[in-house]
C-alpha atoms as a PDB file:
ATOM      1  CA  MET A   1      -4.051  26.551 -15.125  1.00  0.00           C
ATOM      2  CA  GLU A   2      -1.134  24.698 -15.871  1.00  0.00           C
ATOM      3  CA  THR A   3       0.443  21.780 -13.928  1.00  0.00           C
ATOM      4  CA  GLY A   4       4.253  21.743 -13.299  1.00  0.00           C
ATOM      5  CA  THR A   5       6.269  18.484 -12.450  1.00  0.00           C
ATOM      6  CA  THR A   6       5.769  19.296  -8.410  1.00  0.00           C
ATOM      7  CA  GLY A   7       1.796  19.071  -8.861  1.00  0.00           C
ATOM      8  CA  LEU A   8       1.567  22.488  -7.867  1.00  0.00           C
ATOM      9  CA  SER A   9       0.599  25.393 -10.835  1.00  0.00           C
ATOM     10  CA  LYS A  10       3.399  26.539 -13.158  1.00  0.00           C
ATOM     11  CA  GLN A  11       2.568  30.058 -11.977  1.00  0.00           C
ATOM     12  CA  ALA A  12       2.868  29.183  -8.100  1.00  0.00           C
ATOM     13  CA  GLU A  13       6.056  27.182  -8.793  1.00  0.00           C
ATOM     14  CA  LEU A  14       7.311  30.262 -10.518  1.00  0.00           C
ATOM     15  CA  LEU A  15       6.330  32.876  -7.966  1.00  0.00           C
ATOM     16  CA  TYR A  16       7.836  30.385  -4.985  1.00  0.00           C
ATOM     17  CA  ALA A  17      11.343  30.296  -6.790  1.00  0.00           C
ATOM     18  CA  GLU A  18      10.718  34.069  -7.151  1.00  0.00           C
ATOM     19  CA  LEU A  19      10.211  34.004  -3.518  1.00  0.00           C
ATOM     20  CA  VAL A  20      13.440  31.865  -3.203  1.00  0.00           C
ATOM     21  CA  ARG A  21      15.348  34.281  -5.147  1.00  0.00           C
ATOM     22  CA  ASN A  22      14.327  37.563  -3.134  1.00  0.00           C
ATOM     23  CA  GLY A  23      13.943  36.781   0.178  1.00  0.00           C
ATOM     24  CA  ALA A  24      10.216  36.089   1.452  1.00  0.00           C
ATOM     25  CA  SER A  25      10.201  37.701   4.642  1.00  0.00           C
ATOM     26  CA  ALA A  26      11.296  40.815   3.341  1.00  0.00           C
ATOM     27  CA  GLN A  27       8.752  41.719   1.539  1.00  0.00           C
ATOM     28  CA  GLU A  28       4.647  41.728   1.175  1.00  0.00           C
ATOM     29  CA  THR A  29       3.283  39.562  -1.972  1.00  0.00           C
ATOM     30  CA  ALA A  30       0.276  41.132  -3.293  1.00  0.00           C
ATOM     31  CA  PRO A  31      -2.947  38.365  -2.954  1.00  0.00           C
ATOM     32  CA  SER A  32      -3.273  36.040  -5.836  1.00  0.00           C
ATOM     33  CA  GLU A  33      -4.132  32.354  -6.651  1.00  0.00           C
ATOM     34  CA  GLU A  34      -0.766  31.705  -6.846  1.00  0.00           C
ATOM     35  CA  LEU A  35      -0.250  32.732  -3.583  1.00  0.00           C
ATOM     36  CA  ASP A  36      -3.277  31.168  -1.849  1.00  0.00           C
ATOM     37  CA  GLU A  37      -1.954  27.732  -3.338  1.00  0.00           C
ATOM     38  CA  LEU A  38       1.209  28.191  -1.805  1.00  0.00           C
ATOM     39  CA  LEU A  39      -0.169  28.760   1.623  1.00  0.00           C
ATOM     40  CA  HIS A  40      -2.515  25.905   1.336  1.00  0.00           C
ATOM     41  CA  LEU A  41       0.113  23.606   1.018  1.00  0.00           C
ATOM     42  CA  GLY A  42       2.333  25.218   3.725  1.00  0.00           C
ATOM     43  CA  LEU A  43       5.111  25.771   1.221  1.00  0.00           C
ATOM     44  CA  VAL A  44       4.892  29.671   2.735  1.00  0.00           C
ATOM     45  CA  SER A  45       2.878  31.100   5.723  1.00  0.00           C
ATOM     46  CA  ARG A  46       2.861  34.777   6.765  1.00  0.00           C
ATOM     47  CA  HIS A  47       4.582  36.108   9.119  1.00  0.00           C
ATOM     48  CA  ALA A  48       3.352  37.972  12.158  1.00  0.00           C
ATOM     49  CA  GLN A  49       5.209  40.927  11.655  1.00  0.00           C
ATOM     50  CA  GLY A  50       4.721  40.547   8.252  1.00  0.00           C
ATOM     51  CA  GLY A  51       5.891  39.262   5.241  1.00  0.00           C
ATOM     52  CA  LEU A  52       6.116  35.408   4.466  1.00  0.00           C
ATOM     53  CA  VAL A  53       8.003  32.844   5.921  1.00  0.00           C
ATOM     54  CA  LEU A  54       9.487  29.810   3.142  1.00  0.00           C
ATOM     55  CA  HIS A  55       9.141  26.351   4.281  1.00  0.00           C
ATOM     56  CA  ASP A  56      11.518  23.889   3.195  1.00  0.00           C
ATOM     57  CA  PRO A  57      10.002  21.734   0.235  1.00  0.00           C
ATOM     58  CA  GLY A  58      11.068  18.382   1.692  1.00  0.00           C
ATOM     59  CA  ALA A  59       9.588  18.600   4.979  1.00  0.00           C
ATOM     60  CA  VAL A  60       6.045  19.957   3.613  1.00  0.00           C
ATOM     61  CA  GLY A  61       6.054  17.351   1.377  1.00  0.00           C
ATOM     62  CA  LEU A  62       6.768  14.701   4.103  1.00  0.00           C
ATOM     63  CA  GLU A  63       4.097  15.823   5.783  1.00  0.00           C
ATOM     64  CA  LEU A  64       1.595  16.150   3.094  1.00  0.00           C
ATOM     65  CA  SER A  65       2.627  12.222   2.235  1.00  0.00           C
ATOM     66  CA  ARG A  66       1.546  11.383   5.641  1.00  0.00           C
ATOM     67  CA  GLN A  67      -1.791  12.970   5.899  1.00  0.00           C
ATOM     68  CA  LEU A  68      -2.206  11.332   2.612  1.00  0.00           C
ATOM     69  CA  ALA A  69      -1.649   7.568   4.054  1.00  0.00           C
ATOM     70  CA  ALA A  70      -3.879   8.705   6.799  1.00  0.00           C
ATOM     71  CA  GLU A  71      -6.629   9.418   4.477  1.00  0.00           C
ATOM     72  CA  VAL A  72      -5.908   6.185   2.176  1.00  0.00           C
ATOM     73  CA  ASN A  73      -6.287   4.138   5.098  1.00  0.00           C
ATOM     74  CA  ALA A  74      -9.760   6.186   6.222  1.00  0.00           C
ATOM     75  CA  LEU A  75     -10.932   5.451   2.984  1.00  0.00           C
ATOM     76  CA  LEU A  76     -10.455   1.997   2.917  1.00  0.00           C
ATOM     77  CA  GLN A  77     -12.085   1.428   6.020  1.00  0.00           C
ATOM     78  CA  GLU A  78     -14.836   3.300   4.663  1.00  0.00           C
ATOM     79  CA  ALA A  79     -14.792   1.037   1.720  1.00  0.00           C
ATOM     80  CA  ALA A  80     -15.136  -1.758   3.709  1.00  0.00           C
ATOM     81  CA  VAL A  81     -18.237  -0.665   5.650  1.00  0.00           C
ATOM     82  CA  VAL A  82     -19.980   0.601   2.171  1.00  0.00           C
ATOM     83  CA  GLN A  83     -19.133  -3.215   1.410  1.00  0.00           C
ATOM     84  CA  GLN A  84     -20.882  -4.804   4.002  1.00  0.00           C
ATOM     85  CA  SER A  85     -23.869  -2.376   3.611  1.00  0.00           C
ATOM     86  CA  MET A  86     -24.733  -3.832   0.293  1.00  0.00           C
ATOM     87  CA  ALA A  87     -23.906  -7.370   1.018  1.00  0.00           C
ATOM     88  CA  GLY A  88     -27.825  -7.681   2.209  1.00  0.00           C
ATOM     89  CA  ILE A  89     -29.246  -6.572  -1.280  1.00  0.00           C
ATOM     90  CA  ALA A  90     -26.687  -7.866  -3.567  1.00  0.00           C
ATOM     91  CA  GLU A  91     -27.778 -11.620  -3.446  1.00  0.00           C
ATOM     92  CA  ALA A  92     -31.010 -10.433  -5.089  1.00  0.00           C
ATOM     93  CA  PHE A  93     -28.930  -9.225  -7.902  1.00  0.00           C
ATOM     94  CA  ASP A  94     -27.202 -11.976  -8.283  1.00  0.00           C
ATOM     95  CA  GLU A  95     -29.403 -14.295  -8.586  1.00  0.00           C
ATOM     96  CA  ALA A  96     -31.416 -12.366 -10.967  1.00  0.00           C
ATOM     97  CA  GLN A  97     -27.902 -12.465 -12.887  1.00  0.00           C
ATOM     98  CA  ARG A  98     -26.412 -15.469 -13.058  1.00  0.00           C
ATOM     99  CA  GLY A  99     -28.153 -16.816 -16.396  1.00  0.00           C
ATOM    100  CA  SER A 100     -25.907 -14.219 -18.317  1.00  0.00           C
ATOM    101  CA  SER A 101     -23.109 -13.512 -20.661  1.00  0.00           C
ATOM    102  CA  GLY A 102     -21.006 -11.445 -22.165  1.00  0.00           C
ATOM    103  CA  PRO A 103     -18.589  -9.192 -20.230  1.00  0.00           C
ATOM    104  CA  VAL A 104     -18.987 -10.514 -17.043  1.00  0.00           C
ATOM    105  CA  ALA A 105     -20.389 -13.980 -16.403  1.00  0.00           C
ATOM    106  CA  TYR A 106     -21.380 -15.574 -13.600  1.00  0.00           C
ATOM    107  CA  LEU A 107     -19.618 -18.938 -13.010  1.00  0.00           C
ATOM    108  CA  ARG A 108     -21.614 -21.317 -10.301  1.00  0.00           C
ATOM    109  CA  GLY A 109     -20.264 -23.728  -7.937  1.00  0.00           C
ATOM    110  CA  LEU A 110     -16.755 -24.759  -7.225  1.00  0.00           C
ATOM    111  CA  GLU A 111     -15.911 -27.033 -10.142  1.00  0.00           C
ATOM    112  CA  ALA A 112     -17.127 -24.549 -12.756  1.00  0.00           C
ATOM    113  CA  ILE A 113     -14.838 -21.761 -10.975  1.00  0.00           C
ATOM    114  CA  ASP A 114     -11.767 -23.896 -10.449  1.00  0.00           C
ATOM    115  CA  ALA A 115     -12.138 -25.011 -14.234  1.00  0.00           C
ATOM    116  CA  ALA A 116     -12.450 -21.552 -15.632  1.00  0.00           C
ATOM    117  CA  ILE A 117      -9.702 -20.225 -13.046  1.00  0.00           C
ATOM    118  CA  ALA A 118      -7.340 -23.475 -14.474  1.00  0.00           C
ATOM    119  CA  LYS A 119      -8.020 -22.709 -18.300  1.00  0.00           C
ATOM    120  CA  ALA A 120      -7.037 -19.560 -18.100  1.00  0.00           C
ATOM    121  CA  VAL A 121      -3.989 -19.945 -16.080  1.00  0.00           C
ATOM    122  CA  GLU A 122      -2.753 -22.819 -18.976  1.00  0.00           C
ATOM    123  CA  ASN A 123      -3.426 -20.082 -21.708  1.00  0.00           C
ATOM    124  CA  VAL A 124      -2.209 -17.200 -19.727  1.00  0.00           C
ATOM    125  CA  GLU A 125       1.071 -15.384 -21.848  1.00  0.00           C
ATOM    126  CA  PHE A 126       2.921 -12.608 -19.900  1.00  0.00           C
ATOM    127  CA  GLU A 127       1.561 -11.739 -16.554  1.00  0.00           C
ATOM    128  CA  MET A 128      -0.882 -13.228 -13.733  1.00  0.00           C
ATOM    129  CA  LEU A 129      -2.131 -10.996 -10.874  1.00  0.00           C
ATOM    130  CA  CYS A 130      -3.137 -12.930  -7.602  1.00  0.00           C
ATOM    131  CA  ALA A 131      -5.363 -10.964  -4.788  1.00  0.00           C
ATOM    132  CA  GLN A 132      -5.183 -13.772  -1.852  1.00  0.00           C
ATOM    133  CA  PRO A 133      -6.690 -11.769   1.425  1.00  0.00           C
ATOM    134  CA  HIS A 134      -7.609 -15.535   3.301  1.00  0.00           C
ATOM    135  CA  GLY A 135      -5.491 -18.172   4.667  1.00  0.00           C
ATOM    136  CA  GLY A 136      -6.958 -21.578   5.854  1.00  0.00           C
ATOM    137  CA  ARG A 137      -5.845 -23.222   2.682  1.00  0.00           C
ATOM    138  CA  THR A 138      -5.086 -27.320   2.758  1.00  0.00           C
ATOM    139  CA  GLN A 139      -1.659 -28.692   1.571  1.00  0.00           C
ATOM    140  CA  GLU A 140      -3.386 -29.745  -1.128  1.00  0.00           C
ATOM    141  CA  ASN A 141      -5.062 -26.835  -2.577  1.00  0.00           C
ATOM    142  CA  LEU A 142      -1.504 -25.634  -1.888  1.00  0.00           C
ATOM    143  CA  ASP A 143       0.413 -27.951  -3.652  1.00  0.00           C
ATOM    144  CA  THR A 144      -1.829 -28.407  -6.702  1.00  0.00           C
ATOM    145  CA  ALA A 145      -1.867 -24.227  -6.644  1.00  0.00           C
ATOM    146  CA  PHE A 146       1.906 -24.608  -7.068  1.00  0.00           C
ATOM    147  CA  LEU A 147       1.948 -27.163  -9.904  1.00  0.00           C
ATOM    148  CA  ARG A 148      -0.493 -24.900 -12.041  1.00  0.00           C
ATOM    149  CA  ASP A 149       1.815 -22.014 -11.163  1.00  0.00           C
ATOM    150  CA  ARG A 150       4.996 -23.131 -11.941  1.00  0.00           C
ATOM    151  CA  ALA A 151       4.206 -24.354 -14.945  1.00  0.00           C
ATOM    152  CA  ALA A 152       3.084 -20.774 -16.155  1.00  0.00           C
ATOM    153  CA  LEU A 153       6.467 -19.608 -14.658  1.00  0.00           C
ATOM    154  CA  ASP A 154       8.499 -22.038 -16.595  1.00  0.00           C
ATOM    155  CA  ARG A 155       7.116 -20.760 -19.684  1.00  0.00           C
ATOM    156  CA  GLY A 156       8.437 -17.123 -18.373  1.00  0.00           C
ATOM    157  CA  VAL A 157       5.434 -15.475 -17.195  1.00  0.00           C
ATOM    158  CA  SER A 158       5.284 -13.195 -14.200  1.00  0.00           C
ATOM    159  CA  ILE A 159       3.528 -14.043 -11.392  1.00  0.00           C
ATOM    160  CA  ARG A 160       2.751 -11.304  -8.297  1.00  0.00           C
ATOM    161  CA  THR A 161       0.686 -12.029  -5.413  1.00  0.00           C
ATOM    162  CA  ILE A 162      -0.378 -10.269  -2.685  1.00  0.00           C
ATOM    163  CA  TYR A 163      -1.369 -11.825   0.762  1.00  0.00           C
ATOM    164  CA  GLN A 164      -2.656 -10.366   3.862  1.00  0.00           C
ATOM    165  CA  THR A 165       0.203  -9.781   6.557  1.00  0.00           C
ATOM    166  CA  ASN A 166      -1.352 -12.153   8.948  1.00  0.00           C
ATOM    167  CA  GLN A 167      -0.231 -14.935   6.565  1.00  0.00           C
ATOM    168  CA  ARG A 168       3.178 -14.064   7.471  1.00  0.00           C
ATOM    169  CA  GLN A 169       2.662 -16.086  10.692  1.00  0.00           C
ATOM    170  CA  GLN A 170       0.981 -19.666   9.064  1.00  0.00           C
ATOM    171  CA  PRO A 171       4.216 -21.880   9.005  1.00  0.00           C
ATOM    172  CA  MET A 172       2.385 -23.876   6.234  1.00  0.00           C
ATOM    173  CA  MET A 173       1.904 -20.947   3.808  1.00  0.00           C
ATOM    174  CA  ARG A 174       5.807 -19.753   4.832  1.00  0.00           C
ATOM    175  CA  ASP A 175       6.652 -23.274   3.188  1.00  0.00           C
ATOM    176  CA  HIS A 176       4.425 -22.710   0.048  1.00  0.00           C
ATOM    177  CA  ILE A 177       5.814 -18.652  -0.304  1.00  0.00           C
ATOM    178  CA  ARG A 178       9.868 -20.050   0.126  1.00  0.00           C
ATOM    179  CA  ARG A 179       9.164 -22.456  -2.879  1.00  0.00           C
ATOM    180  CA  THR A 180       6.806 -20.521  -4.811  1.00  0.00           C
ATOM    181  CA  THR A 181       9.334 -17.354  -4.714  1.00  0.00           C
ATOM    182  CA  ARG A 182      12.352 -19.677  -5.763  1.00  0.00           C
ATOM    183  CA  ALA A 183      10.993 -20.636  -8.878  1.00  0.00           C
ATOM    184  CA  GLY A 184      10.170 -16.750  -9.864  1.00  0.00           C
ATOM    185  CA  GLU A 185       7.097 -15.502  -8.216  1.00  0.00           C
ATOM    186  CA  LEU A 186       7.354 -11.953  -6.568  1.00  0.00           C
ATOM    187  CA  VAL A 187       4.555 -12.201  -3.022  1.00  0.00           C
ATOM    188  CA  ARG A 188       4.537  -9.035  -0.814  1.00  0.00           C
ATOM    189  CA  THR A 189       1.889  -8.545   2.100  1.00  0.00           C
ATOM    190  CA  VAL A 190      -0.484  -5.878   3.266  1.00  0.00           C
ATOM    191  CA  PRO A 191      -2.176  -5.303   6.552  1.00  0.00           C
ATOM    192  CA  TRP A 192      -5.665  -4.188   5.333  1.00  0.00           C
ATOM    193  CA  PRO A 193      -8.500  -6.422   3.812  1.00  0.00           C
ATOM    194  CA  PHE A 194      -9.063  -6.613  -0.095  1.00  0.00           C
ATOM    195  CA  THR A 195     -11.248  -8.598  -2.487  1.00  0.00           C
ATOM    196  CA  ARG A 196      -9.840 -11.500  -4.050  1.00  0.00           C
ATOM    197  CA  ALA A 197      -9.276 -11.755  -7.709  1.00  0.00           C
ATOM    198  CA  ILE A 198      -6.825 -13.683  -9.974  1.00  0.00           C
ATOM    199  CA  ILE A 199      -6.032 -11.418 -13.210  1.00  0.00           C
ATOM    200  CA  VAL A 200      -4.915 -12.803 -16.352  1.00  0.00           C
ATOM    201  CA  ASP A 201      -3.266 -10.850 -19.016  1.00  0.00           C
ATOM    202  CA  ARG A 202      -4.812  -8.162 -17.746  1.00  0.00           C
ATOM    203  CA  LYS A 203      -8.244  -8.068 -19.998  1.00  0.00           C
ATOM    204  CA  LEU A 204      -9.505 -11.431 -17.983  1.00  0.00           C
ATOM    205  CA  ALA A 205     -10.431 -11.087 -13.928  1.00  0.00           C
ATOM    206  CA  PHE A 206     -12.238 -13.498 -11.721  1.00  0.00           C
ATOM    207  CA  MET A 207     -13.309 -12.812  -8.517  1.00  0.00           C
ATOM    208  CA  PRO A 208     -15.956 -14.112  -5.937  1.00  0.00           C
ATOM    209  CA  THR A 209     -19.549 -12.936  -5.928  1.00  0.00           C
ATOM    210  CA  ASN A 210     -19.086 -13.032  -1.792  1.00  0.00           C
ATOM    211  CA  GLY A 211     -18.196  -9.879  -0.777  1.00  0.00           C
ATOM    212  CA  LEU A 212     -14.756  -8.445   0.606  1.00  0.00           C
ATOM    213  CA  SER A 213     -13.438 -11.114   2.854  1.00  0.00           C
ATOM    214  CA  GLU A 214     -14.719 -13.107   5.747  1.00  0.00           C
ATOM    215  CA  PHE A 215     -13.676 -10.414   8.032  1.00  0.00           C
ATOM    216  CA  PHE A 216     -16.791  -8.099   7.192  1.00  0.00           C
ATOM    217  CA  GLN A 217     -18.995 -10.730   5.514  1.00  0.00           C
ATOM    218  CA  GLU A 218     -19.781 -14.369   6.342  1.00  0.00           C
ATOM    219  CA  VAL A 219     -19.100 -16.775   3.958  1.00  0.00           C
ATOM    220  CA  ALA A 220     -19.465 -20.631   4.129  1.00  0.00           C
ATOM    221  CA  VAL A 221     -16.051 -22.368   5.755  1.00  0.00           C
ATOM    222  CA  GLN A 222     -15.221 -25.659   5.531  1.00  0.00           C
ATOM    223  CA  ALA A 223     -12.235 -27.512   7.318  1.00  0.00           C
ATOM    224  CA  GLU A 224     -11.174 -23.980   7.963  1.00  0.00           C
ATOM    225  CA  ARG A 225     -11.057 -23.042   4.237  1.00  0.00           C
ATOM    226  CA  VAL A 226     -13.313 -19.946   2.670  1.00  0.00           C
ATOM    227  CA  PHE A 227     -15.148 -21.640  -0.264  1.00  0.00           C
ATOM    228  CA  TYR A 228     -16.909 -19.886  -2.794  1.00  0.00           C
ATOM    229  CA  THR A 229     -20.105 -20.674  -4.323  1.00  0.00           C
ATOM    230  CA  THR A 230     -20.092 -18.241  -7.176  1.00  0.00           C
ATOM    231  CA  ALA A 231     -17.771 -15.992  -9.087  1.00  0.00           C
ATOM    232  CA  LEU A 232     -17.540 -13.465 -11.388  1.00  0.00           C
ATOM    233  CA  CYS A 233     -15.582 -13.976 -14.857  1.00  0.00           C
ATOM    234  CA  ILE A 234     -14.674 -10.294 -16.214  1.00  0.00           C
ATOM    235  CA  GLN A 235     -13.727  -9.248 -19.500  1.00  0.00           C
ATOM    236  CA  ASP A 236     -14.719  -6.065 -19.746  1.00  0.00           C
ATOM    237  CA  PRO A 237     -11.443  -3.839 -20.308  1.00  0.00           C
ATOM    238  CA  LEU A 238     -12.498  -0.828 -18.400  1.00  0.00           C
ATOM    239  CA  LEU A 239     -13.914  -3.125 -15.354  1.00  0.00           C
ATOM    240  CA  VAL A 240      -9.928  -5.515 -15.398  1.00  0.00           C
ATOM    241  CA  ALA A 241      -8.080  -1.891 -15.511  1.00  0.00           C
ATOM    242  CA  HIS A 242     -10.446  -0.926 -12.754  1.00  0.00           C
ATOM    243  CA  PHE A 243      -9.070  -3.736 -10.949  1.00  0.00           C
ATOM    244  CA  VAL A 244      -5.687  -3.897 -12.258  1.00  0.00           C
ATOM    245  CA  ASP A 245      -5.096  -0.219 -10.328  1.00  0.00           C
ATOM    246  CA  HIS A 246      -6.722  -1.353  -7.275  1.00  0.00           C
ATOM    247  CA  PHE A 247      -3.891  -4.475  -7.557  1.00  0.00           C
ATOM    248  CA  GLU A 248      -1.031  -2.128  -8.471  1.00  0.00           C
ATOM    249  CA  PHE A 249      -2.034   0.505  -5.592  1.00  0.00           C
ATOM    250  CA  SER A 250      -1.743  -2.655  -2.793  1.00  0.00           C
ATOM    251  CA  TRP A 251       1.239  -3.576  -4.202  1.00  0.00           C
ATOM    252  CA  ALA A 252       3.291  -0.152  -4.349  1.00  0.00           C
ATOM    253  CA  LEU A 253       2.566  -0.332  -0.516  1.00  0.00           C
ATOM    254  CA  GLY A 254       3.201  -3.679   0.487  1.00  0.00           C
ATOM    255  CA  GLN A 255       5.974  -5.299   1.976  1.00  0.00           C
ATOM    256  CA  GLN A 256       8.442  -8.356   0.301  1.00  0.00           C
ATOM    257  CA  TRP A 257       7.916 -11.288   1.179  1.00  0.00           C
ATOM    258  CA  ASP A 258       9.979 -14.302   0.444  1.00  0.00           C
ATOM    259  CA  GLY A 259       8.512 -17.113   3.118  1.00  0.00           C
ATOM    260  CA  THR A 260      10.699 -15.705   6.096  1.00  0.00           C
ATOM    261  CA  ALA A 261       9.310 -15.885   9.304  1.00  0.00           C
ATOM    262  CA  ALA A 262       9.017 -12.539  10.892  1.00  0.00           C
ATOM    263  CA  ARG A 263      11.128 -13.277  13.985  1.00  0.00           C
ATOM    264  CA  ASP A 264      14.035 -14.118  11.467  1.00  0.00           C
ATOM    265  CA  GLN A 265      14.477 -11.543   9.553  1.00  0.00           C
ATOM    266  CA  ALA A 266      17.158  -8.862  10.119  1.00  0.00           C
ATOM    267  CA  THR A 267      16.095  -5.963  12.085  1.00  0.00           C
ATOM    268  CA  PRO A 268      18.103  -2.670  10.719  1.00  0.00           C
ATOM    269  CA  PRO A 269      20.469  -1.433  13.766  1.00  0.00           C
ATOM    270  CA  LEU A 270      18.237   1.556  15.331  1.00  0.00           C
ATOM    271  CA  ASP A 271      20.412   4.374  17.237  1.00  0.00           C
ATOM    272  CA  GLN A 272      18.341   6.186  20.310  1.00  0.00           C
ATOM    273  CA  TRP A 273      17.967   9.142  17.660  1.00  0.00           C
ATOM    274  CA  GLU A 274      16.397   7.169  15.403  1.00  0.00           C
ATOM    275  CA  ARG A 275      13.898   5.690  17.733  1.00  0.00           C
ATOM    276  CA  LEU A 276      13.333   9.135  19.124  1.00  0.00           C
ATOM    277  CA  ILE A 277      11.876  10.169  15.682  1.00  0.00           C
ATOM    278  CA  LEU A 278      10.268   7.225  15.047  1.00  0.00           C
ATOM    279  CA  GLU A 279       8.457   7.213  18.603  1.00  0.00           C
ATOM    280  CA  TYR A 280       7.453  11.015  18.004  1.00  0.00           C
ATOM    281  CA  LEU A 281       6.218   9.670  14.520  1.00  0.00           C
ATOM    282  CA  ASP A 282       4.179   7.198  16.535  1.00  0.00           C
ATOM    283  CA  GLN A 283       2.859   9.889  18.879  1.00  0.00           C
ATOM    284  CA  ASP A 284       1.265  11.476  15.898  1.00  0.00           C
ATOM    285  CA  LEU A 285       3.365  14.684  16.187  1.00  0.00           C
ATOM    286  CA  SER A 286       3.947  17.180  12.851  1.00  0.00           C
ATOM    287  CA  LEU A 287       7.452  17.160  11.362  1.00  0.00           C
ATOM    288  CA  GLU A 288       7.339  20.749  12.402  1.00  0.00           C
ATOM    289  CA  THR A 289       7.115  19.736  15.937  1.00  0.00           C
ATOM    290  CA  ILE A 290       9.222  16.820  16.056  1.00  0.00           C
ATOM    291  CA  ALA A 291      11.935  19.123  14.508  1.00  0.00           C
ATOM    292  CA  ARG A 292      11.276  21.476  17.357  1.00  0.00           C
ATOM    293  CA  ARG A 293      11.844  19.119  20.045  1.00  0.00           C
ATOM    294  CA  LEU A 294      14.997  17.485  18.462  1.00  0.00           C
ATOM    295  CA  SER A 295      16.116  21.123  18.607  1.00  0.00           C
ATOM    296  CA  VAL A 296      16.673  20.381  14.769  1.00  0.00           C
ATOM    297  CA  SER A 297      16.055  22.232  11.446  1.00  0.00           C
ATOM    298  CA  GLU A 298      13.097  20.651   9.066  1.00  0.00           C
ATOM    299  CA  ARG A 299      15.511  20.165   6.710  1.00  0.00           C
ATOM    300  CA  THR A 300      17.613  17.765   8.417  1.00  0.00           C
ATOM    301  CA  LEU A 301      14.911  15.818   9.741  1.00  0.00           C
ATOM    302  CA  GLY A 302      13.609  15.537   6.478  1.00  0.00           C
ATOM    303  CA  LYS A 303      17.220  14.067   5.113  1.00  0.00           C
ATOM    304  CA  ARG A 304      17.312  11.616   8.795  1.00  0.00           C
ATOM    305  CA  LEU A 305      13.762  10.373   7.485  1.00  0.00           C
ATOM    306  CA  THR A 306      15.361   9.826   4.011  1.00  0.00           C
ATOM    307  CA  ALA A 307      17.613   7.809   5.056  1.00  0.00           C
ATOM    308  CA  LEU A 308      15.748   6.055   7.903  1.00  0.00           C
ATOM    309  CA  ARG A 309      13.469   4.693   5.020  1.00  0.00           C
ATOM    310  CA  THR A 310      16.399   3.439   2.985  1.00  0.00           C
ATOM    311  CA  LYS A 311      17.441   1.815   6.258  1.00  0.00           C
ATOM    312  CA  MET A 312      13.972   0.110   6.718  1.00  0.00           C
ATOM    313  CA  GLU A 313      14.008  -0.992   3.338  1.00  0.00           C
ATOM    314  CA  VAL A 314       9.900   1.239   3.097  1.00  0.00           C
ATOM    315  CA  ASN A 315       8.854   4.066   0.895  1.00  0.00           C
ATOM    316  CA  SER A 316       6.786   6.439   2.812  1.00  0.00           C
ATOM    317  CA  LEU A 317       6.088   7.671   6.637  1.00  0.00           C
ATOM    318  CA  TYR A 318       2.906   5.017   6.708  1.00  0.00           C
ATOM    319  CA  GLY A 319       5.526   1.733   6.016  1.00  0.00           C
ATOM    320  CA  LEU A 320       8.026   3.472   8.490  1.00  0.00           C
ATOM    321  CA  GLY A 321       5.458   3.048  11.375  1.00  0.00           C
ATOM    322  CA  ARG A 322       4.403  -0.222  10.478  1.00  0.00           C
ATOM    323  CA  LYS A 323       8.141  -1.624  10.732  1.00  0.00           C
ATOM    324  CA  TRP A 324       8.554   0.944  13.939  1.00  0.00           C
ATOM    325  CA  GLN A 325       5.488  -1.629  15.565  1.00  0.00           C
ATOM    326  CA  GLY A 326       7.552  -4.620  15.021  1.00  0.00           C
ATOM    327  CA  LEU A 327      10.725  -3.078  16.561  1.00  0.00           C
ATOM    328  CA  LYS A 328       9.542  -0.686  19.074  1.00  0.00           C
ATOM    329  CA  GLN A 329      10.013  -3.080  22.047  1.00  0.00           C
ATOM    330  CA  LYS A 330      13.908  -4.597  21.340  1.00  0.00           C
ATOM    331  CA  PRO A 331      16.385  -2.780  23.598  1.00  0.00           C
ATOM    332  CA  PHE A 332      18.376  -0.022  22.437  1.00  0.00           C
ATOM    333  CA  PRO A 333      22.188  -0.358  21.223  1.00  0.00           C
ATOM    334  CA  ALA A 334      24.536  -1.083  23.807  1.00  0.00           C
ATOM    335  CA  GLU A 335      26.369   1.900  22.980  1.00  0.00           C
ATOM    336  CA  PRO A 336      24.495   4.548  20.658  1.00  0.00           C
ATOM    337  CA  SER A 337      25.881   7.052  18.460  1.00  0.00           C
ATOM    338  CA  PRO A 338      23.829   9.706  18.160  1.00  0.00           C
ATOM    339  CA  PRO A 339      24.507  10.899  14.311  1.00  0.00           C
ATOM    340  CA  ARG A 340      26.199  14.186  14.164  1.00  0.00           C
ATOM    341  CA  SER A 341      23.935  15.765  11.641  1.00  0.00           C
ATOM    342  CA  VAL A 342      21.141  15.273  13.985  1.00  0.00           C
ATOM    343  CA  GLN A 343      23.205  16.980  16.988  1.00  0.00           C
ATOM    344  CA  HIS A 344      24.367  19.800  15.147  1.00  0.00           C
ATOM    345  CA  GLY A 345      21.460  20.311  12.441  1.00  0.00           C
END
């Protein structure tokens, strides 16, 4: 069955358009795969008195986005558990493979790892992607990394780096990010754990063999810095592409960071209606329930959520939830002015 531009089949899109033109509630549609598809997604529902009821695609899309975000979070947690369960047998496999060469090679010792990464960065042609989940780096480490990366940036290389959100609280890291972003590096943060990796020109990747992060697996820590004693140097195109996909997924959901402390970032002004919408989302209420409580249509609520995402500079309901966690304790504006579209939607 051919897929249309919305992710629905073409036949389902045509059926929905026909229902819109003819008025779904006034007719009974014969059972079909296309109708089942619309019912499954929630674009239509059966009326108690017979016939069908159409639902706003915008509101349905927002609800599906929210459900998918929850599923993604559950999958990330499941991935962490799987990684931890594999840690017990990984060392035996590593030991057997350490002498191998080819598309996946093992690097043993910090000196060999640092030398290989330095050589790759020196020869980078157009792009470097860095995933850095750990903190605790010394000032000397940060200075060395900055000089190395700035040389690449000066040659026109694009560098994008992801950190975990907790790094925003570290003064030394904030200072480091300020200078790297001024030099041209792009930085974002995400709240979930991820695998440390450096990807060069989308054809070479470095990652430790210790596992996902120190949160899930014990690794050697000296002077509050996580040390890796073995690493993988990966040149297999399919494996590198897999790591690039994981990086881009986190990058798309990350929050931009220029080194500014969280408390210094401007808080978007929110009126009492916007706060109420966010509070209902925080309670995990469906969009249909929220619209009913606010006495507005789902279409009006969808427009309001779109405006909220724009105001708070996020791309999803998940992003709104994260921003709201940091704003919910702040007081209302002195004289809130409810938007007319919410009052009369």
